[in-house]
C-alpha atoms as a PDB file:
ATOM      1  CA  MET A   1      69.347  65.897 -57.641  1.00  0.00           C
ATOM      2  CA  PRO A   2      68.957  64.080 -61.000  1.00  0.00           C
ATOM      3  CA  LYS A   3      66.646  65.595 -63.568  1.00  0.00           C
ATOM      4  CA  THR A   4      63.595  63.431 -64.324  1.00  0.00           C
ATOM      5  CA  ARG A   5      62.871  63.017 -68.024  1.00  0.00           C
ATOM      6  CA  LEU A   6      59.228  63.031 -69.055  1.00  0.00           C
ATOM      7  CA  ARG A   7      58.206  59.823 -70.732  1.00  0.00           C
ATOM      8  CA  ASN A   8      57.414  60.157 -74.396  1.00  0.00           C
ATOM      9  CA  GLY A   9      54.382  58.471 -75.947  1.00  0.00           C
ATOM     10  CA  ILE A  10      56.399  57.206 -78.905  1.00  0.00           C
ATOM     11  CA  ASP A  11      59.008  55.638 -76.604  1.00  0.00           C
ATOM     12  CA  GLU A  12      56.195  54.036 -74.579  1.00  0.00           C
ATOM     13  CA  SER A  13      54.464  52.753 -77.712  1.00  0.00           C
ATOM     14  CA  VAL A  14      57.633  51.284 -79.241  1.00  0.00           C
ATOM     15  CA  GLY A  15      58.599  49.774 -75.885  1.00  0.00           C
ATOM     16  CA  GLY A  16      55.126  48.324 -75.469  1.00  0.00           C
ATOM     17  CA  ARG A  17      55.357  46.701 -78.885  1.00  0.00           C
ATOM     18  CA  VAL A  18      58.748  45.231 -77.908  1.00  0.00           C
ATOM     19  CA  ARG A  19      57.096  43.761 -74.817  1.00  0.00           C
ATOM     20  CA  ALA A  20      54.098  42.435 -76.765  1.00  0.00           C
ATOM     21  CA  ARG A  21      56.311  40.797 -79.396  1.00  0.00           C
ATOM     22  CA  ARG A  22      58.643  39.325 -76.760  1.00  0.00           C
ATOM     23  CA  LYS A  23      55.698  37.786 -74.908  1.00  0.00           C
ATOM     24  CA  ALA A  24      54.126  36.537 -78.141  1.00  0.00           C
ATOM     25  CA  ARG A  25      57.404  34.729 -78.865  1.00  0.00           C
ATOM     26  CA  GLY A  26      57.312  33.201 -75.365  1.00  0.00           C
ATOM     27  CA  MET A  27      60.572  34.890 -74.407  1.00  0.00           C
ATOM     28  CA  ASN A  28      61.316  36.364 -70.991  1.00  0.00           C
ATOM     29  CA  GLN A  29      63.195  39.606 -70.373  1.00  0.00           C
ATOM     30  CA  THR A  30      66.352  37.777 -69.313  1.00  0.00           C
ATOM     31  CA  ALA A  31      66.531  35.822 -72.576  1.00  0.00           C
ATOM     32  CA  LEU A  32      66.065  38.978 -74.659  1.00  0.00           C
ATOM     33  CA  ALA A  33      68.621  40.824 -72.533  1.00  0.00           C
ATOM     34  CA  LYS A  34      71.143  38.042 -73.100  1.00  0.00           C
ATOM     35  CA  LYS A  35      70.650  38.255 -76.877  1.00  0.00           C
ATOM     36  CA  LEU A  36      71.139  42.039 -76.722  1.00  0.00           C
ATOM     37  CA  GLY A  37      74.073  41.991 -74.307  1.00  0.00           C
ATOM     38  CA  VAL A  38      72.279  44.132 -71.702  1.00  0.00           C
ATOM     39  CA  THR A  39      70.694  43.478 -68.305  1.00  0.00           C
ATOM     40  CA  PHE A  40      67.069  42.441 -67.916  1.00  0.00           C
ATOM     41  CA  GLN A  41      66.544  45.734 -66.052  1.00  0.00           C
ATOM     42  CA  MET A  42      67.536  47.592 -69.221  1.00  0.00           C
ATOM     43  CA  VAL A  43      64.986  45.571 -71.203  1.00  0.00           C
ATOM     44  CA  GLN A  44      62.371  46.592 -68.597  1.00  0.00           C
ATOM     45  CA  ARG A  45      63.320  50.243 -69.028  1.00  0.00           C
ATOM     46  CA  TYR A  46      63.013  49.939 -72.820  1.00  0.00           C
ATOM     47  CA  GLU A  47      59.626  48.218 -72.569  1.00  0.00           C
ATOM     48  CA  TYR A  48      58.139  50.840 -70.267  1.00  0.00           C
ATOM     49  CA  GLY A  49      59.484  53.772 -72.300  1.00  0.00           C
ATOM     50  CA  LEU A  50      61.824  54.880 -69.521  1.00  0.00           C
ATOM     51  CA  CYS A  51      64.854  54.652 -71.813  1.00  0.00           C
ATOM     52  CA  ARG A  52      64.837  55.562 -75.459  1.00  0.00           C
ATOM     53  CA  ILE A  53      65.861  52.697 -77.764  1.00  0.00           C
ATOM     54  CA  SER A  54      68.595  53.598 -80.244  1.00  0.00           C
ATOM     55  CA  ALA A  55      68.204  52.637 -83.892  1.00  0.00           C
ATOM     56  CA  SER A  56      70.965  50.021 -83.675  1.00  0.00           C
ATOM     57  CA  THR A  57      69.471  48.488 -80.522  1.00  0.00           C
ATOM     58  CA  LEU A  58      66.024  48.395 -82.111  1.00  0.00           C
ATOM     59  CA  CYS A  59      67.550  46.620 -85.107  1.00  0.00           C
ATOM     60  CA  HIS A  60      69.063  44.015 -82.750  1.00  0.00           C
ATOM     61  CA  ILE A  61      65.725  43.664 -80.925  1.00  0.00           C
ATOM     62  CA  ALA A  62      63.876  43.114 -84.222  1.00  0.00           C
ATOM     63  CA  HIS A  63      66.392  40.427 -85.174  1.00  0.00           C
ATOM     64  CA  ALA A  64      66.181  38.745 -81.737  1.00  0.00           C
ATOM     65  CA  LEU A  65      62.367  38.752 -81.861  1.00  0.00           C
ATOM     66  CA  GLU A  66      62.284  37.662 -85.519  1.00  0.00           C
ATOM     67  CA  THR A  67      60.163  40.558 -86.698  1.00  0.00           C
ATOM     68  CA  PRO A  68      60.624  43.355 -89.227  1.00  0.00           C
ATOM     69  CA  ILE A  69      61.745  46.622 -87.658  1.00  0.00           C
ATOM     70  CA  ASP A  70      58.694  48.492 -88.960  1.00  0.00           C
ATOM     71  CA  TYR A  71      56.514  46.333 -86.666  1.00  0.00           C
ATOM     72  CA  PHE A  72      57.552  48.597 -83.791  1.00  0.00           C
ATOM     73  CA  PHE A  73      56.248  51.711 -85.567  1.00  0.00           C
ATOM     74  CA  GLU A  74      52.852  50.473 -86.782  1.00  0.00           C
ATOM     75  CA  ASP A  75      49.891  52.649 -85.781  1.00  0.00           C
ATOM     76  CA  LEU A  76      52.057  55.404 -84.280  1.00  0.00           C
ATOM     77  CA  PRO A  77      50.279  58.749 -84.115  1.00  0.00           C
ATOM     78  CA  ALA A  78      51.771  61.738 -85.911  1.00  0.00           C
ATOM     79  CA  PRO A  79      53.670  63.881 -83.403  1.00  0.00           C
ATOM     80  CA  ALA A  80      51.786  67.122 -82.768  1.00  0.00           C
ATOM     81  CA  ASN A  81      53.687  68.223 -79.670  1.00  0.00           C
ATOM     82  CA  LYS A  82      56.311  66.935 -77.234  1.00  0.00           C
ATOM     83  CA  ARG A  83      53.944  64.431 -75.565  1.00  0.00           C
ATOM     84  CA  VAL A  84      52.604  61.962 -78.143  1.00  0.00           C
ATOM     85  CA  GLU A  85      49.875  59.628 -76.987  1.00  0.00           C
ATOM     86  CA  PRO A  86      49.679  56.150 -78.504  1.00  0.00           C
ATOM     87  CA  SER A  87      46.664  55.557 -80.742  1.00  0.00           C
ATOM     88  CA  ALA A  88      43.633  53.665 -79.408  1.00  0.00           C
ATOM     89  CA  ALA A  89      44.579  50.675 -81.601  1.00  0.00           C
ATOM     90  CA  VAL A  90      48.067  50.524 -80.055  1.00  0.00           C
ATOM     91  CA  VAL A  91      46.723  50.900 -76.515  1.00  0.00           C
ATOM     92  CA  SER A  92      44.147  48.133 -76.978  1.00  0.00           C
ATOM     93  CA  THR A  93      46.727  45.813 -78.541  1.00  0.00           C
ATOM     94  CA  LEU A  94      49.106  46.421 -75.659  1.00  0.00           C
ATOM     95  CA  GLU A  95      46.345  45.842 -73.102  1.00  0.00           C
ATOM     96  CA  LEU A  96      45.426  42.560 -74.802  1.00  0.00           C
ATOM     97  CA  SER A  97      49.046  41.400 -74.702  1.00  0.00           C
ATOM     98  CA  LYS A  98      49.383  41.998 -70.949  1.00  0.00           C
ATOM     99  CA  THR A  99      47.574  38.797 -69.963  1.00  0.00           C
ATOM    100  CA  SER A 100      48.085  35.198 -70.932  1.00  0.00           C
ATOM    101  CA  ALA A 101      44.396  34.850 -71.825  1.00  0.00           C
ATOM    102  CA  GLY A 102      44.588  37.958 -74.024  1.00  0.00           C
ATOM    103  CA  ARG A 103      47.614  36.656 -75.889  1.00  0.00           C
ATOM    104  CA  THR A 104      45.919  33.270 -76.384  1.00  0.00           C
ATOM    105  CA  LEU A 105      42.787  34.989 -77.684  1.00  0.00           C
ATOM    106  CA  ALA A 106      44.867  37.119 -80.060  1.00  0.00           C
ATOM    107  CA  VAL A 107      46.527  33.977 -81.463  1.00  0.00           C
ATOM    108  CA  LEU A 108      43.341  31.901 -81.759  1.00  0.00           C
ATOM    109  CA  PHE A 109      40.790  34.471 -82.965  1.00  0.00           C
ATOM    110  CA  PRO A 110      42.247  34.932 -86.482  1.00  0.00           C
ATOM    111  CA  ARG A 111      42.177  31.138 -86.918  1.00  0.00           C
ATOM    112  CA  ILE A 112      38.357  31.167 -86.792  1.00  0.00           C
ATOM    113  CA  MET A 113      37.566  30.942 -90.496  1.00  0.00           C
ATOM    114  CA  HIS A 114      33.833  31.612 -90.343  1.00  0.00           C
ATOM    115  CA  ARG A 115      33.188  35.383 -90.333  1.00  0.00           C
ATOM    116  CA  GLY A 116      29.771  34.932 -88.764  1.00  0.00           C
ATOM    117  CA  THR A 117      31.344  33.109 -85.825  1.00  0.00           C
ATOM    118  CA  GLN A 118      33.910  35.900 -85.425  1.00  0.00           C
ATOM    119  CA  ARG A 119      31.113  38.512 -85.382  1.00  0.00           C
ATOM    120  CA  ALA A 120      29.127  36.444 -82.861  1.00  0.00           C
ATOM    121  CA  ILE A 121      32.136  36.281 -80.526  1.00  0.00           C
ATOM    122  CA  VAL A 122      32.677  40.041 -80.813  1.00  0.00           C
ATOM    123  CA  GLU A 123      28.998  40.674 -80.045  1.00  0.00           C
ATOM    124  CA  LEU A 124      29.150  38.293 -77.073  1.00  0.00           C
ATOM    125  CA  VAL A 125      32.153  40.138 -75.632  1.00  0.00           C
ATOM    126  CA  ARG A 126      30.473  43.511 -76.264  1.00  0.00           C
ATOM    127  CA  ALA A 127      27.404  42.313 -74.365  1.00  0.00           C
ATOM    128  CA  MET A 128      29.578  41.042 -71.504  1.00  0.00           C
ATOM    129  CA  VAL A 129      31.347  44.414 -71.052  1.00  0.00           C
ATOM    130  CA  GLY A 130      28.236  46.490 -71.713  1.00  0.00           C
ATOM    131  CA  ASP A 131      29.559  48.228 -74.848  1.00  0.00           C
ATOM    132  CA  GLU A 132      26.656  49.451 -76.959  1.00  0.00           C
ATOM    133  CA  ALA A 133      28.863  50.482 -79.926  1.00  0.00           C
ATOM    134  CA  ALA A 134      27.976  48.920 -83.239  1.00  0.00           C
END
């Protein structure tokens, strides 16, 4: 019986950022796989943290997705034990990138130049989800 490897929070976080960047570029898993010379199933395994991405593969991914390699390591928590949980900022970014509407919002929101309008939108969304945080 094969031994099941526990998923690692860093692998999940890096994989999630690969997925978010791929989707932001409008690329599907098959297209990325073709650029990397792997199957789309392997790209899926990377994105879900099921397979650890080697340094050379991550370099190829960064090149294929036209992003600096350090993008994949932004907001990583410091490892305290074997299981590292992604930070709240990483989790929320990944959640936002899972839907088409979230990705569109992430692209359009920074283009709103008026800070007061940005704050009003944030307050509207807070009211809609019932978040009382300031």
